[in-house]
């Protein structure tokens, strides 16, 4: 019998597939659900705040900001950039769910620092389609926080722009540094 390299031999014992990260999530969720108790929380954040931050896995925003479940809306994306979709989420957060304050949190060592729009061009060459979105890369961390604050403060869709503050989170010390 001839066996090709890409097909296992019929007599070979098939190894069970290894669990994926998502499989582990599902298993963990089953354990979580066993002791889960609906706290009867409303979708309206208790602290009436929305936080916009980078998606970086090193940022544990709940621990860093002293937040509890139900305290805040947390909106995350690459770089913590204030995009049209971020404004959409903030608008819903304010107009439908009662938030009044906005904290913008960027961080040291961000993957967008130094990235360029060449990323889009390379992606277009690879897949044959130009992305509709901008990379929103930056070289000046503090300047990008200021730009994000300005985008929030000038949005015609947001009701409350008087309490908008921006910060840089230091991934080595865990401290926030406010940007004026």
Protein backbone atom coordinates (compact mmCIF):
# COMPACT_ATOMS: atom_id res chain seq x y z
CA UNK A 1 0.00 0.00 0.00
CA UNK A 2 1.33 3.41 -0.96
CA UNK A 3 0.98 6.18 1.59
CA UNK A 4 1.28 9.79 0.52
CA UNK A 5 2.94 12.20 2.95
CA UNK A 6 -0.16 14.35 3.36
CA UNK A 7 -2.43 11.45 4.30
CA UNK A 8 -2.05 9.40 7.45
CA UNK A 9 -1.77 5.65 7.16
CA UNK A 10 -5.11 3.90 7.77
CA UNK A 11 -3.49 1.90 10.54
CA UNK A 12 -1.96 4.90 12.28
CA UNK A 13 -3.74 5.95 15.44
CA UNK A 14 -5.17 9.39 14.98
CA UNK A 15 -4.18 11.83 17.67
CA UNK A 16 -7.06 13.78 19.14
CA UNK A 17 -6.98 17.43 18.08
CA UNK A 18 -5.38 19.74 20.61
CA UNK A 19 -7.76 22.21 22.21
CA UNK A 20 -7.56 25.70 20.78
CA UNK A 21 -7.50 28.86 22.85
CA UNK A 22 -11.17 29.36 22.03
CA UNK A 23 -11.92 25.78 23.17
CA UNK A 24 -10.31 26.70 26.50
CA UNK A 25 -12.47 29.84 26.66
CA UNK A 26 -15.60 27.74 26.21
CA UNK A 27 -14.48 25.33 28.94
CA UNK A 28 -13.64 28.21 31.29
CA UNK A 29 -17.01 29.79 30.58
CA UNK A 30 -18.82 26.63 31.62
CA UNK A 31 -17.00 26.77 34.96
CA UNK A 32 -17.78 30.47 35.30
CA UNK A 33 -21.47 29.93 34.55
CA UNK A 34 -21.78 27.38 37.36
CA UNK A 35 -21.27 30.09 40.00
CA UNK A 36 -22.51 33.06 37.96
CA UNK A 37 -25.17 35.18 39.60
CA UNK A 38 -27.00 37.86 37.71
CA UNK A 39 -26.36 41.00 39.73
CA UNK A 40 -29.36 42.68 38.18
CA UNK A 41 -27.17 45.43 36.75
CA UNK A 42 -28.44 47.90 34.23
CA UNK A 43 -26.55 48.52 30.97
CA UNK A 44 -25.97 52.08 32.21
CA UNK A 45 -22.49 52.35 33.75
CA UNK A 46 -22.64 53.14 37.48
CA UNK A 47 -19.76 55.67 37.23
CA UNK A 48 -21.28 57.30 34.10
CA UNK A 49 -17.94 57.10 32.29
CA UNK A 50 -16.67 55.67 29.02
CA UNK A 51 -13.03 54.70 28.66
CA UNK A 52 -11.37 54.54 25.24
CA UNK A 53 -8.14 52.57 25.30
CA UNK A 54 -5.79 50.49 23.24
CA UNK A 55 -6.49 46.80 22.80
CA UNK A 56 -2.99 45.91 24.05
CA UNK A 57 -3.20 42.80 26.23
CA UNK A 58 -0.86 44.35 28.82
CA UNK A 59 -3.52 46.87 29.90
CA UNK A 60 -5.75 45.54 32.68
CA UNK A 61 -7.97 48.59 32.75
CA UNK A 62 -10.30 47.37 35.48
CA UNK A 63 -7.41 46.79 37.89
CA UNK A 64 -5.45 49.89 36.82
CA UNK A 65 -8.44 52.22 37.22
CA UNK A 66 -10.08 50.56 40.21
CA UNK A 67 -13.16 49.63 38.22
CA UNK A 68 -15.71 46.97 39.04
CA UNK A 69 -18.06 45.17 36.68
CA UNK A 70 -20.79 47.60 35.67
CA UNK A 71 -18.80 50.77 36.44
CA UNK A 72 -17.81 51.91 32.94
CA UNK A 73 -18.12 51.36 29.24
CA UNK A 74 -14.74 50.28 27.90
CA UNK A 75 -14.12 50.80 24.17
CA UNK A 76 -10.89 49.29 22.84
CA UNK A 77 -9.15 49.26 19.48
CA UNK A 78 -5.63 49.30 18.07
CA UNK A 79 -3.98 52.39 19.55
CA UNK A 80 -7.05 53.59 21.44
CA UNK A 81 -7.70 55.76 18.40
CA UNK A 82 -10.83 57.90 18.22
CA UNK A 83 -12.27 56.70 14.91
CA UNK A 84 -15.77 57.10 13.49
CA UNK A 85 -16.69 53.80 15.13
CA UNK A 86 -15.34 55.03 18.48
CA UNK A 87 -17.52 58.15 18.14
CA UNK A 88 -20.48 55.87 17.32
CA UNK A 89 -19.90 53.89 20.53
CA UNK A 90 -19.38 57.03 22.61
CA UNK A 91 -22.54 58.59 21.17
CA UNK A 92 -24.60 55.54 22.12
CA UNK A 93 -22.89 55.45 25.51
CA UNK A 94 -23.87 59.06 26.21
CA UNK A 95 -27.19 59.49 24.46
CA UNK A 96 -28.76 56.09 25.19
CA UNK A 97 -26.93 54.94 28.32
CA UNK A 98 -26.20 58.08 30.31
CA UNK A 99 -22.41 58.46 30.43
CA UNK A 100 -21.04 61.97 30.93
CA UNK A 101 -17.24 61.60 31.24
CA UNK A 102 -14.68 60.20 28.81
CA UNK A 103 -11.17 58.99 29.62
CA UNK A 104 -8.78 58.34 26.73
CA UNK A 105 -5.87 56.03 27.50
CA UNK A 106 -2.91 55.42 25.21
CA UNK A 107 0.22 53.62 26.41
CA UNK A 108 3.98 53.36 26.13
CA UNK A 109 5.34 50.72 23.78
CA UNK A 110 2.24 50.79 21.56
CA UNK A 111 2.40 48.76 18.35
CA UNK A 112 1.11 51.75 16.36
CA UNK A 113 4.11 53.86 17.36
CA UNK A 114 6.24 54.12 14.25
CA UNK A 115 3.94 52.01 12.05
CA UNK A 116 3.13 53.79 8.79
CA UNK A 117 0.41 53.86 6.17
CA UNK A 118 2.73 51.55 4.20
CA UNK A 119 0.97 48.82 6.19
CA UNK A 120 -2.20 49.50 4.18
CA UNK A 121 -0.32 49.49 0.88
CA UNK A 122 1.36 46.18 1.73
CA UNK A 123 -1.99 44.73 2.75
CA UNK A 124 -3.51 45.88 -0.52
CA UNK A 125 -0.71 44.21 -2.48
CA UNK A 126 -1.19 40.99 -0.53
CA UNK A 127 -4.98 40.67 -0.70
CA UNK A 128 -5.78 42.72 -3.79
CA UNK A 129 -8.07 45.17 -2.02
CA UNK A 130 -7.30 48.45 -0.28
CA UNK A 131 -8.64 48.67 3.28
CA UNK A 132 -11.28 51.36 3.78
CA UNK A 133 -9.79 52.25 7.16
CA UNK A 134 -6.68 54.23 8.01
CA UNK A 135 -3.93 52.68 10.13
CA UNK A 136 -3.93 55.80 12.35
CA UNK A 137 -0.28 55.21 13.26
CA UNK A 138 1.62 57.89 15.13
CA UNK A 139 5.13 58.86 16.20
CA UNK A 140 4.19 61.33 18.97
CA UNK A 141 2.32 59.56 21.77
CA UNK A 142 1.33 62.71 23.66
CA UNK A 143 0.34 64.42 20.42
CA UNK A 144 -1.91 61.53 19.49
CA UNK A 145 -3.65 61.69 22.87
CA UNK A 146 -4.26 65.42 22.26
CA UNK A 147 -5.61 64.66 18.79
CA UNK A 148 -7.96 62.04 20.25
CA UNK A 149 -9.22 64.52 22.87
CA UNK A 150 -9.81 67.10 20.12
CA UNK A 151 -11.77 64.60 18.01
CA UNK A 152 -14.03 63.84 20.98
CA UNK A 153 -14.46 67.48 22.01
CA UNK A 154 -15.43 68.59 18.50
CA UNK A 155 -17.82 65.77 17.64
CA UNK A 156 -21.30 67.13 16.99
CA UNK A 157 -22.82 63.81 18.11
CA UNK A 158 -21.57 63.88 21.69
CA UNK A 159 -23.60 65.68 24.34
CA UNK A 160 -20.98 65.87 27.08
CA UNK A 161 -17.50 67.01 26.10
CA UNK A 162 -16.61 69.10 29.15
CA UNK A 163 -15.10 66.16 31.10
CA UNK A 164 -12.74 64.59 28.53
CA UNK A 165 -9.29 63.72 29.79
CA UNK A 166 -6.37 61.96 28.16
CA UNK A 167 -3.62 59.80 29.63
CA UNK A 168 -0.60 57.71 28.75
CA UNK A 169 -0.32 54.44 30.69
CA UNK A 170 3.26 53.33 31.35
CA UNK A 171 3.40 49.56 30.73
CA UNK A 172 6.51 49.25 32.94
CA UNK A 173 5.31 51.14 36.03
CA UNK A 174 1.52 50.87 35.73
CA UNK A 175 1.15 54.62 36.24
CA UNK A 176 -1.04 57.01 34.28
CA UNK A 177 0.41 60.30 33.11
CA UNK A 178 -2.17 62.95 32.25
CA UNK A 179 -1.84 64.82 28.98
CA UNK A 180 -3.00 68.44 29.01
